[in-house]
Amino acid sequence: RELPAEMQGQSIADGPLPFLFGAKADKIKSRYWVRLVTPEGVTNE
């Protein structure tokens, strides 16, 4: 499946879940409501 020009290059990080590659704080916050939910007692994550 050929990708249109706007989906090529750095846009790979703009997929539905931009969490794995090229994470950018401002972009994540612009697309999602985010909060910390680290369970109590978990210190390595």
ModelCIF file with pLDDT and N, C-alpha, C, O atoms, coordinates in Angstrom:
data_MODEL
#
_entry.id   MODEL 
#
_entity.id                         1 
_entity.type                       polymer 
_entity.pdbx_number_of_molecules   1 
#
_entity_poly.entity_id                      1 
_entity_poly.type                           'polypeptide(L)' 
_entity_poly.nstd_linkage                   no 
_entity_poly.nstd_monomer                   no 
_entity_poly.pdbx_seq_one_letter_code       RELPAEMQGQSIADGPLPFLFGAKADKIKSRYWVRLVTPEGVTNE 
_entity_poly.pdbx_seq_one_letter_code_can   RELPAEMQGQSIADGPLPFLFGAKADKIKSRYWVRLVTPEGVTNE 
_entity_poly.pdbx_strand_id                 A 
#
loop_
_entity_poly_seq.entity_id 
_entity_poly_seq.num 
_entity_poly_seq.mon_id 
_entity_poly_seq.hetero 
1 1  ARG n 
1 2  GLU n 
1 3  LEU n 
1 4  PRO n 
1 5  ALA n 
1 6  GLU n 
1 7  MET n 
1 8  GLN n 
1 9  GLY n 
1 10 GLN n 
1 11 SER n 
1 12 ILE n 
1 13 ALA n 
1 14 ASP n 
1 15 GLY n 
1 16 PRO n 
1 17 LEU n 
1 18 PRO n 
1 19 PHE n 
1 20 LEU n 
1 21 PHE n 
1 22 GLY n 
1 23 ALA n 
1 24 LYS n 
1 25 ALA n 
1 26 ASP n 
1 27 LYS n 
1 28 ILE n 
1 29 LYS n 
1 30 SER n 
1 31 ARG n 
1 32 TYR n 
1 33 TRP n 
1 34 VAL n 
1 35 ARG n 
1 36 LEU n 
1 37 VAL n 
1 38 THR n 
1 39 PRO n 
1 40 GLU n 
1 41 GLY n 
1 42 VAL n 
1 43 THR n 
1 44 ASN n 
1 45 GLU n 
#
_struct_asym.id          A 
_struct_asym.entity_id   1 
#
loop_
_ma_qa_metric.id 
_ma_qa_metric.mode 
_ma_qa_metric.name 
_ma_qa_metric.software_group_id 
_ma_qa_metric.type 
1 global pLDDT . pLDDT 
2 local  pLDDT . pLDDT 
#
_ma_qa_metric_global.metric_id      1 
_ma_qa_metric_global.metric_value   78.40 
_ma_qa_metric_global.model_id       1 
_ma_qa_metric_global.ordinal_id     1 
#
loop_
_ma_qa_metric_local.label_asym_id 
_ma_qa_metric_local.label_comp_id 
_ma_qa_metric_local.label_seq_id 
_ma_qa_metric_local.metric_id 
_ma_qa_metric_local.metric_value 
_ma_qa_metric_local.model_id 
_ma_qa_metric_local.ordinal_id 
A ARG 1  2 90.00 1 1  
A GLU 2  2 89.00 1 2  
A LEU 3  2 83.00 1 3  
A PRO 4  2 82.00 1 4  
A ALA 5  2 78.00 1 5  
A GLU 6  2 72.00 1 6  
A MET 7  2 71.00 1 7  
A GLN 8  2 71.00 1 8  
A GLY 9  2 67.00 1 9  
A GLN 10 2 58.00 1 10 
A SER 11 2 56.00 1 11 
A ILE 12 2 56.00 1 12 
A ALA 13 2 56.00 1 13 
A ASP 14 2 57.00 1 14 
A GLY 15 2 53.00 1 15 
A PRO 16 2 47.00 1 16 
A LEU 17 2 47.00 1 17 
A PRO 18 2 46.00 1 18 
A PHE 19 2 53.00 1 19 
A LEU 20 2 61.00 1 20 
A PHE 21 2 64.00 1 21 
A GLY 22 2 69.00 1 22 
A ALA 23 2 76.00 1 23 
A LYS 24 2 85.00 1 24 
A ALA 25 2 90.00 1 25 
A ASP 26 2 90.00 1 26 
A LYS 27 2 87.00 1 27 
A ILE 28 2 89.00 1 28 
A LYS 29 2 91.00 1 29 
A SER 30 2 89.00 1 30 
A ARG 31 2 88.00 1 31 
A TYR 32 2 92.00 1 32 
A TRP 33 2 94.00 1 33 
A VAL 34 2 95.00 1 34 
A ARG 35 2 96.00 1 35 
A LEU 36 2 96.00 1 36 
A VAL 37 2 96.00 1 37 
A THR 38 2 95.00 1 38 
A PRO 39 2 94.00 1 39 
A GLU 40 2 92.00 1 40 
A GLY 41 2 93.00 1 41 
A VAL 42 2 93.00 1 42 
A THR 43 2 92.00 1 43 
A ASN 44 2 94.00 1 44 
A GLU 45 2 95.00 1 45 
#
loop_
_atom_site.group_PDB 
_atom_site.id 
_atom_site.type_symbol 
_atom_site.label_atom_id 
_atom_site.label_alt_id 
_atom_site.label_comp_id 
_atom_site.label_asym_id 
_atom_site.label_entity_id 
_atom_site.label_seq_id 
_atom_site.pdbx_PDB_ins_code 
_atom_site.Cartn_x 
_atom_site.Cartn_y 
_atom_site.Cartn_z 
_atom_site.occupancy 
_atom_site.B_iso_or_equiv 
_atom_site.pdbx_formal_charge 
_atom_site.auth_seq_id 
_atom_site.auth_comp_id 
_atom_site.auth_asym_id 
_atom_site.auth_atom_id 
_atom_site.pdbx_PDB_model_num 
ATOM 1   N N  . ARG A 1 1  ? 0.851  -1.184 0.000  1.00 90.00 ? 1  ARG A N  1 
ATOM 2   C CA . ARG A 1 1  ? 0.000  0.000  0.000  1.00 90.00 ? 1  ARG A CA 1 
ATOM 3   C C  . ARG A 1 1  ? 0.889  1.237  0.000  1.00 90.00 ? 1  ARG A C  1 
ATOM 4   O O  . ARG A 1 1  ? 1.597  1.508  0.970  1.00 90.00 ? 1  ARG A O  1 
ATOM 5   N N  . GLU A 1 2  ? 0.842  1.969  -1.083 1.00 89.00 ? 2  GLU A N  1 
ATOM 6   C CA . GLU A 1 2  ? 1.640  3.185  -1.203 1.00 89.00 ? 2  GLU A CA 1 
ATOM 7   C C  . GLU A 1 2  ? 1.103  4.256  -0.262 1.00 89.00 ? 2  GLU A C  1 
ATOM 8   O O  . GLU A 1 2  ? -0.105 4.487  -0.201 1.00 89.00 ? 2  GLU A O  1 
ATOM 9   N N  . LEU A 1 3  ? 2.000  4.908  0.471  1.00 83.00 ? 3  LEU A N  1 
ATOM 10  C CA . LEU A 1 3  ? 1.612  5.953  1.397  1.00 83.00 ? 3  LEU A CA 1 
ATOM 11  C C  . LEU A 1 3  ? 1.570  7.300  0.694  1.00 83.00 ? 3  LEU A C  1 
ATOM 12  O O  . LEU A 1 3  ? 2.461  7.602  -0.100 1.00 83.00 ? 3  LEU A O  1 
ATOM 13  N N  . PRO A 1 4  ? 0.561  8.115  0.964  1.00 82.00 ? 4  PRO A N  1 
ATOM 14  C CA . PRO A 1 4  ? 0.575  9.479  0.425  1.00 82.00 ? 4  PRO A CA 1 
ATOM 15  C C  . PRO A 1 4  ? 1.709  10.268 1.059  1.00 82.00 ? 4  PRO A C  1 
ATOM 16  O O  . PRO A 1 4  ? 2.234  9.892  2.107  1.00 82.00 ? 4  PRO A O  1 
ATOM 17  N N  . ALA A 1 5  ? 2.075  11.355 0.419  1.00 78.00 ? 5  ALA A N  1 
ATOM 18  C CA . ALA A 1 5  ? 3.236  12.133 0.859  1.00 78.00 ? 5  ALA A CA 1 
ATOM 19  C C  . ALA A 1 5  ? 3.119  12.570 2.314  1.00 78.00 ? 5  ALA A C  1 
ATOM 20  O O  . ALA A 1 5  ? 4.114  12.591 3.038  1.00 78.00 ? 5  ALA A O  1 
ATOM 21  N N  . GLU A 1 6  ? 1.890  12.924 2.753  1.00 72.00 ? 6  GLU A N  1 
ATOM 22  C CA . GLU A 1 6  ? 1.728  13.436 4.114  1.00 72.00 ? 6  GLU A CA 1 
ATOM 23  C C  . GLU A 1 6  ? 1.886  12.352 5.180  1.00 72.00 ? 6  GLU A C  1 
ATOM 24  O O  . GLU A 1 6  ? 1.977  12.675 6.364  1.00 72.00 ? 6  GLU A O  1 
ATOM 25  N N  . MET A 1 7  ? 1.920  11.074 4.790  1.00 71.00 ? 7  MET A N  1 
ATOM 26  C CA . MET A 1 7  ? 2.085  9.989  5.757  1.00 71.00 ? 7  MET A CA 1 
ATOM 27  C C  . MET A 1 7  ? 3.488  9.400  5.708  1.00 71.00 ? 7  MET A C  1 
ATOM 28  O O  . MET A 1 7  ? 3.763  8.396  6.365  1.00 71.00 ? 7  MET A O  1 
ATOM 29  N N  . GLN A 1 8  ? 4.370  10.013 4.939  1.00 71.00 ? 8  GLN A N  1 
ATOM 30  C CA . GLN A 1 8  ? 5.726  9.506  4.831  1.00 71.00 ? 8  GLN A CA 1 
ATOM 31  C C  . GLN A 1 8  ? 6.658  10.273 5.761  1.00 71.00 ? 8  GLN A C  1 
ATOM 32  O O  . GLN A 1 8  ? 6.277  11.272 6.371  1.00 71.00 ? 8  GLN A O  1 
ATOM 33  N N  . GLY A 1 9  ? 7.886  9.781  5.852  1.00 67.00 ? 9  GLY A N  1 
ATOM 34  C CA . GLY A 1 9  ? 8.890  10.447 6.679  1.00 67.00 ? 9  GLY A CA 1 
ATOM 35  C C  . GLY A 1 9  ? 8.557  10.379 8.154  1.00 67.00 ? 9  GLY A C  1 
ATOM 36  O O  . GLY A 1 9  ? 8.159  9.329  8.658  1.00 67.00 ? 9  GLY A O  1 
ATOM 37  N N  . GLN A 1 10 ? 8.717  11.503 8.853  1.00 58.00 ? 10 GLN A N  1 
ATOM 38  C CA . GLN A 1 10 ? 8.506  11.566 10.288 1.00 58.00 ? 10 GLN A CA 1 
ATOM 39  C C  . GLN A 1 10 ? 7.076  11.248 10.683 1.00 58.00 ? 10 GLN A C  1 
ATOM 40  O O  . GLN A 1 10 ? 6.812  10.985 11.856 1.00 58.00 ? 10 GLN A O  1 
ATOM 41  N N  . SER A 1 11 ? 6.141  11.263 9.734  1.00 56.00 ? 11 SER A N  1 
ATOM 42  C CA . SER A 1 11 ? 4.736  11.019 10.049 1.00 56.00 ? 11 SER A CA 1 
ATOM 43  C C  . SER A 1 11 ? 4.482  9.617  10.572 1.00 56.00 ? 11 SER A C  1 
ATOM 44  O O  . SER A 1 11 ? 3.390  9.339  11.069 1.00 56.00 ? 11 SER A O  1 
ATOM 45  N N  . ILE A 1 12 ? 5.464  8.723  10.473 1.00 56.00 ? 12 ILE A N  1 
ATOM 46  C CA . ILE A 1 12 ? 5.277  7.389  11.032 1.00 56.00 ? 12 ILE A CA 1 
ATOM 47  C C  . ILE A 1 12 ? 5.013  7.478  12.524 1.00 56.00 ? 12 ILE A C  1 
ATOM 48  O O  . ILE A 1 12 ? 4.354  6.607  13.092 1.00 56.00 ? 12 ILE A O  1 
ATOM 49  N N  . ALA A 1 13 ? 5.522  8.525  13.163 1.00 56.00 ? 13 ALA A N  1 
ATOM 50  C CA . ALA A 1 13 ? 5.304  8.705  14.599 1.00 56.00 ? 13 ALA A CA 1 
ATOM 51  C C  . ALA A 1 13 ? 3.939  9.305  14.897 1.00 56.00 ? 13 ALA A C  1 
ATOM 52  O O  . ALA A 1 13 ? 3.549  9.415  16.059 1.00 56.00 ? 13 ALA A O  1 
ATOM 53  N N  . ASP A 1 14 ? 3.199  9.701  13.841 1.00 57.00 ? 14 ASP A N  1 
ATOM 54  C CA . ASP A 1 14 ? 1.895  10.316 14.041 1.00 57.00 ? 14 ASP A CA 1 
ATOM 55  C C  . ASP A 1 14 ? 0.763  9.324  13.834 1.00 57.00 ? 14 ASP A C  1 
ATOM 56  O O  . ASP A 1 14 ? -0.367 9.724  13.555 1.00 57.00 ? 14 ASP A O  1 
ATOM 57  N N  . GLY A 1 15 ? 1.053  8.034  13.965 1.00 53.00 ? 15 GLY A N  1 
ATOM 58  C CA . GLY A 1 15 ? 0.018  7.024  13.863 1.00 53.00 ? 15 GLY A CA 1 
ATOM 59  C C  . GLY A 1 15 ? -0.942 7.123  15.028 1.00 53.00 ? 15 GLY A C  1 
ATOM 60  O O  . GLY A 1 15 ? -0.837 8.044  15.838 1.00 53.00 ? 15 GLY A O  1 
ATOM 61  N N  . PRO A 1 16 ? -1.887 6.183  15.130 1.00 47.00 ? 16 PRO A N  1 
ATOM 62  C CA . PRO A 1 16 ? -2.894 6.259  16.185 1.00 47.00 ? 16 PRO A CA 1 
ATOM 63  C C  . PRO A 1 16 ? -2.303 6.212  17.586 1.00 47.00 ? 16 PRO A C  1 
ATOM 64  O O  . PRO A 1 16 ? -2.897 6.748  18.521 1.00 47.00 ? 16 PRO A O  1 
ATOM 65  N N  . LEU A 1 17 ? -1.157 5.587  17.748 1.00 47.00 ? 17 LEU A N  1 
ATOM 66  C CA . LEU A 1 17 ? -0.529 5.472  19.070 1.00 47.00 ? 17 LEU A CA 1 
ATOM 67  C C  . LEU A 1 17 ? 0.909  5.967  18.986 1.00 47.00 ? 17 LEU A C  1 
ATOM 68  O O  . LEU A 1 17 ? 1.817  5.169  18.755 1.00 47.00 ? 17 LEU A O  1 
ATOM 69  N N  . PRO A 1 18 ? 1.136  7.258  19.166 1.00 46.00 ? 18 PRO A N  1 
ATOM 70  C CA . PRO A 1 18 ? 2.493  7.794  19.007 1.00 46.00 ? 18 PRO A CA 1 
ATOM 71  C C  . PRO A 1 18 ? 3.316  7.602  20.267 1.00 46.00 ? 18 PRO A C  1 
ATOM 72  O O  . PRO A 1 18 ? 3.995  8.523  20.721 1.00 46.00 ? 18 PRO A O  1 
ATOM 73  N N  . PHE A 1 19 ? 3.254  6.391  20.838 1.00 53.00 ? 19 PHE A N  1 
ATOM 74  C CA . PHE A 1 19 ? 3.876  6.147  22.125 1.00 53.00 ? 19 PHE A CA 1 
ATOM 75  C C  . PHE A 1 19 ? 5.198  5.387  22.024 1.00 53.00 ? 19 PHE A C  1 
ATOM 76  O O  . PHE A 1 19 ? 6.005  5.413  22.954 1.00 53.00 ? 19 PHE A O  1 
ATOM 77  N N  . LEU A 1 20 ? 5.412  4.725  20.918 1.00 61.00 ? 20 LEU A N  1 
ATOM 78  C CA . LEU A 1 20 ? 6.568  3.843  20.847 1.00 61.00 ? 20 LEU A CA 1 
ATOM 79  C C  . LEU A 1 20 ? 7.769  4.519  20.230 1.00 61.00 ? 20 LEU A C  1 
ATOM 80  O O  . LEU A 1 20 ? 8.892  4.310  20.687 1.00 61.00 ? 20 LEU A O  1 
ATOM 81  N N  . PHE A 1 21 ? 7.564  5.322  19.204 1.00 64.00 ? 21 PHE A N  1 
ATOM 82  C CA . PHE A 1 21 ? 8.680  5.906  18.476 1.00 64.00 ? 21 PHE A CA 1 
ATOM 83  C C  . PHE A 1 21 ? 8.491  7.422  18.356 1.00 64.00 ? 21 PHE A C  1 
ATOM 84  O O  . PHE A 1 21 ? 7.403  7.896  18.029 1.00 64.00 ? 21 PHE A O  1 
ATOM 85  N N  . GLY A 1 22 ? 9.537  8.157  18.619 1.00 69.00 ? 22 GLY A N  1 
ATOM 86  C CA . GLY A 1 22 ? 9.489  9.594  18.437 1.00 69.00 ? 22 GLY A CA 1 
ATOM 87  C C  . GLY A 1 22 ? 8.502  10.311 19.334 1.00 69.00 ? 22 GLY A C  1 
ATOM 88  O O  . GLY A 1 22 ? 7.888  11.292 18.917 1.00 69.00 ? 22 GLY A O  1 
ATOM 89  N N  . ALA A 1 23 ? 8.339  9.834  20.569 1.00 76.00 ? 23 ALA A N  1 
ATOM 90  C CA . ALA A 1 23 ? 7.387  10.456 21.484 1.00 76.00 ? 23 ALA A CA 1 
ATOM 91  C C  . ALA A 1 23 ? 7.773  11.916 21.743 1.00 76.00 ? 23 ALA A C  1 
ATOM 92  O O  . ALA A 1 23 ? 8.932  12.218 22.030 1.00 76.00 ? 23 ALA A O  1 
ATOM 93  N N  . LYS A 1 24 ? 6.797  12.810 21.641 1.00 85.00 ? 24 LYS A N  1 
ATOM 94  C CA . LYS A 1 24 ? 7.002  14.225 21.932 1.00 85.00 ? 24 LYS A CA 1 
ATOM 95  C C  . LYS A 1 24 ? 5.953  14.669 22.944 1.00 85.00 ? 24 LYS A C  1 
ATOM 96  O O  . LYS A 1 24 ? 4.758  14.440 22.754 1.00 85.00 ? 24 LYS A O  1 
ATOM 97  N N  . ALA A 1 25 ? 6.406  15.299 24.010 1.00 90.00 ? 25 ALA A N  1 
ATOM 98  C CA . ALA A 1 25 ? 5.514  15.641 25.119 1.00 90.00 ? 25 ALA A CA 1 
ATOM 99  C C  . ALA A 1 25 ? 4.362  16.529 24.667 1.00 90.00 ? 25 ALA A C  1 
ATOM 100 O O  . ALA A 1 25 ? 3.210  16.270 25.015 1.00 90.00 ? 25 ALA A O  1 
ATOM 101 N N  . ASP A 1 26 ? 4.659  17.572 23.895 1.00 90.00 ? 26 ASP A N  1 
ATOM 102 C CA . ASP A 1 26 ? 3.592  18.495 23.511 1.00 90.00 ? 26 ASP A CA 1 
ATOM 103 C C  . ASP A 1 26 ? 2.588  17.840 22.576 1.00 90.00 ? 26 ASP A C  1 
ATOM 104 O O  . ASP A 1 26 ? 1.394  18.131 22.644 1.00 90.00 ? 26 ASP A O  1 
ATOM 105 N N  . LYS A 1 27 ? 3.065  16.954 21.702 1.00 87.00 ? 27 LYS A N  1 
ATOM 106 C CA . LYS A 1 27 ? 2.159  16.285 20.771 1.00 87.00 ? 27 LYS A CA 1 
ATOM 107 C C  . LYS A 1 27 ? 1.262  15.303 21.508 1.00 87.00 ? 27 LYS A C  1 
ATOM 108 O O  . LYS A 1 27 ? 0.071  15.208 21.212 1.00 87.00 ? 27 LYS A O  1 
ATOM 109 N N  . ILE A 1 28 ? 1.817  14.578 22.457 1.00 89.00 ? 28 ILE A N  1 
ATOM 110 C CA . ILE A 1 28 ? 1.012  13.640 23.244 1.00 89.00 ? 28 ILE A CA 1 
ATOM 111 C C  . ILE A 1 28 ? -0.070 14.401 24.001 1.00 89.00 ? 28 ILE A C  1 
ATOM 112 O O  . ILE A 1 28 ? -1.223 13.972 24.032 1.00 89.00 ? 28 ILE A O  1 
ATOM 113 N N  . LYS A 1 29 ? 0.294  15.531 24.614 1.00 91.00 ? 29 LYS A N  1 
ATOM 114 C CA . LYS A 1 29 ? -0.686 16.289 25.391 1.00 91.00 ? 29 LYS A CA 1 
ATOM 115 C C  . LYS A 1 29 ? -1.712 16.981 24.500 1.00 91.00 ? 29 LYS A C  1 
ATOM 116 O O  . LYS A 1 29 ? -2.827 17.259 24.943 1.00 91.00 ? 29 LYS A O  1 
ATOM 117 N N  . SER A 1 30 ? -1.348 17.261 23.250 1.00 89.00 ? 30 SER A N  1 
ATOM 118 C CA . SER A 1 30 ? -2.308 17.887 22.345 1.00 89.00 ? 30 SER A CA 1 
ATOM 119 C C  . SER A 1 30 ? -3.345 16.889 21.845 1.00 89.00 ? 30 SER A C  1 
ATOM 120 O O  . SER A 1 30 ? -4.453 17.275 21.471 1.00 89.00 ? 30 SER A O  1 
ATOM 121 N N  . ARG A 1 31 ? -2.991 15.618 21.839 1.00 88.00 ? 31 ARG A N  1 
ATOM 122 C CA . ARG A 1 31 ? -3.908 14.591 21.329 1.00 88.00 ? 31 ARG A CA 1 
ATOM 123 C C  . ARG A 1 31 ? -4.641 13.834 22.419 1.00 88.00 ? 31 ARG A C  1 
ATOM 124 O O  . ARG A 1 31 ? -5.692 13.245 22.168 1.00 88.00 ? 31 ARG A O  1 
ATOM 125 N N  . TYR A 1 32 ? -4.089 13.845 23.644 1.00 92.00 ? 32 TYR A N  1 
ATOM 126 C CA . TYR A 1 32 ? -4.657 13.003 24.695 1.00 92.00 ? 32 TYR A CA 1 
ATOM 127 C C  . TYR A 1 32 ? -4.751 13.745 26.025 1.00 92.00 ? 32 TYR A C  1 
ATOM 128 O O  . TYR A 1 32 ? -3.917 14.594 26.340 1.00 92.00 ? 32 TYR A O  1 
ATOM 129 N N  . TRP A 1 33 ? -5.780 13.406 26.794 1.00 94.00 ? 33 TRP A N  1 
ATOM 130 C CA . TRP A 1 33 ? -5.814 13.729 28.204 1.00 94.00 ? 33 TRP A CA 1 
ATOM 131 C C  . TRP A 1 33 ? -4.944 12.691 28.903 1.00 94.00 ? 33 TRP A C  1 
ATOM 132 O O  . TRP A 1 33 ? -5.211 11.494 28.793 1.00 94.00 ? 33 TRP A O  1 
ATOM 133 N N  . VAL A 1 34 ? -3.927 13.116 29.607 1.00 95.00 ? 34 VAL A N  1 
ATOM 134 C CA . VAL A 1 34 ? -3.002 12.154 30.214 1.00 95.00 ? 34 VAL A CA 1 
ATOM 135 C C  . VAL A 1 34 ? -2.936 12.358 31.726 1.00 95.00 ? 34 VAL A C  1 
ATOM 136 O O  . VAL A 1 34 ? -3.092 13.472 32.226 1.00 95.00 ? 34 VAL A O  1 
ATOM 137 N N  . ARG A 1 35 ? -2.705 11.275 32.430 1.00 96.00 ? 35 ARG A N  1 
ATOM 138 C CA . ARG A 1 35 ? -2.524 11.332 33.879 1.00 96.00 ? 35 ARG A CA 1 
ATOM 139 C C  . ARG A 1 35 ? -1.644 10.173 34.316 1.00 96.00 ? 35 ARG A C  1 
ATOM 140 O O  . ARG A 1 35 ? -1.543 9.156  33.631 1.00 96.00 ? 35 ARG A O  1 
ATOM 141 N N  . LEU A 1 36 ? -1.013 10.344 35.463 1.00 96.00 ? 36 LEU A N  1 
ATOM 142 C CA . LEU A 1 36 ? -0.222 9.265  36.059 1.00 96.00 ? 36 LEU A CA 1 
ATOM 143 C C  . LEU A 1 36 ? -1.144 8.320  36.804 1.00 96.00 ? 36 LEU A C  1 
ATOM 144 O O  . LEU A 1 36 ? -1.991 8.759  37.582 1.00 96.00 ? 36 LEU A O  1 
ATOM 145 N N  . VAL A 1 37 ? -0.985 7.018  36.570 1.00 96.00 ? 37 VAL A N  1 
ATOM 146 C CA . VAL A 1 37 ? -1.769 6.009  37.286 1.00 96.00 ? 37 VAL A CA 1 
ATOM 147 C C  . VAL A 1 37 ? -0.839 4.925  37.832 1.00 96.00 ? 37 VAL A C  1 
ATOM 148 O O  . VAL A 1 37 ? -1.232 3.764  37.951 1.00 96.00 ? 37 VAL A O  1 
ATOM 149 N N  . THR A 1 38 ? 0.384  5.305  38.159 1.00 95.00 ? 38 THR A N  1 
ATOM 150 C CA . THR A 1 38 ? 1.346  4.331  38.674 1.00 95.00 ? 38 THR A CA 1 
ATOM 151 C C  . THR A 1 38 ? 0.818  3.722  39.964 1.00 95.00 ? 38 THR A C  1 
ATOM 152 O O  . THR A 1 38 ? 0.531  4.461  40.906 1.00 95.00 ? 38 THR A O  1 
ATOM 153 N N  . PRO A 1 39 ? 0.680  2.392  40.043 1.00 94.00 ? 39 PRO A N  1 
ATOM 154 C CA . PRO A 1 39 ? 0.164  1.765  41.262 1.00 94.00 ? 39 PRO A CA 1 
ATOM 155 C C  . PRO A 1 39 ? 1.069  2.019  42.459 1.00 94.00 ? 39 PRO A C  1 
ATOM 156 O O  . PRO A 1 39 ? 2.287  2.138  42.326 1.00 94.00 ? 39 PRO A O  1 
ATOM 157 N N  . GLU A 1 40 ? 0.471  2.095  43.583 1.00 92.00 ? 40 GLU A N  1 
ATOM 158 C CA . GLU A 1 40 ? 1.215  2.301  44.820 1.00 92.00 ? 40 GLU A CA 1 
ATOM 159 C C  . GLU A 1 40 ? 2.207  1.161  45.027 1.00 92.00 ? 40 GLU A C  1 
ATOM 160 O O  . GLU A 1 40 ? 1.865  -0.010 44.860 1.00 92.00 ? 40 GLU A O  1 
ATOM 161 N N  . GLY A 1 41 ? 3.419  1.508  45.385 1.00 93.00 ? 41 GLY A N  1 
ATOM 162 C CA . GLY A 1 41 ? 4.444  0.500  45.631 1.00 93.00 ? 41 GLY A CA 1 
ATOM 163 C C  . GLY A 1 41 ? 5.289  0.166  44.422 1.00 93.00 ? 41 GLY A C  1 
ATOM 164 O O  . GLY A 1 41 ? 6.328  -0.478 44.569 1.00 93.00 ? 41 GLY A O  1 
ATOM 165 N N  . VAL A 1 42 ? 4.878  0.585  43.209 1.00 93.00 ? 42 VAL A N  1 
ATOM 166 C CA . VAL A 1 42 ? 5.662  0.339  42.002 1.00 93.00 ? 42 VAL A CA 1 
ATOM 167 C C  . VAL A 1 42 ? 6.701  1.442  41.864 1.00 93.00 ? 42 VAL A C  1 
ATOM 168 O O  . VAL A 1 42 ? 6.352  2.615  41.726 1.00 93.00 ? 42 VAL A O  1 
ATOM 169 N N  . THR A 1 43 ? 7.967  1.074  41.901 1.00 92.00 ? 43 THR A N  1 
ATOM 170 C CA . THR A 1 43 ? 9.036  2.075  41.870 1.00 92.00 ? 43 THR A CA 1 
ATOM 171 C C  . THR A 1 43 ? 9.921  1.983  40.632 1.00 92.00 ? 43 THR A C  1 
ATOM 172 O O  . THR A 1 43 ? 10.772 2.847  40.421 1.00 92.00 ? 43 THR A O  1 
ATOM 173 N N  . ASN A 1 44 ? 9.735  0.952  39.812 1.00 94.00 ? 44 ASN A N  1 
ATOM 174 C CA . ASN A 1 44 ? 10.601 0.773  38.647 1.00 94.00 ? 44 ASN A CA 1 
ATOM 175 C C  . ASN A 1 44 ? 9.914  1.139  37.333 1.00 94.00 ? 44 ASN A C  1 
ATOM 176 O O  . ASN A 1 44 ? 10.484 0.936  36.261 1.00 94.00 ? 44 ASN A O  1 
ATOM 177 N N  . GLU A 1 45 ? 8.695  1.675  37.404 1.00 95.00 ? 45 GLU A N  1 
ATOM 178 C CA . GLU A 1 45 ? 7.936  1.999  36.202 1.00 95.00 ? 45 GLU A CA 1 
ATOM 179 C C  . GLU A 1 45 ? 7.120  3.274  36.424 1.00 95.00 ? 45 GLU A C  1 
ATOM 180 O O  . GLU A 1 45 ? 6.408  3.717  35.523 1.00 95.00 ? 45 GLU A O  1 
#
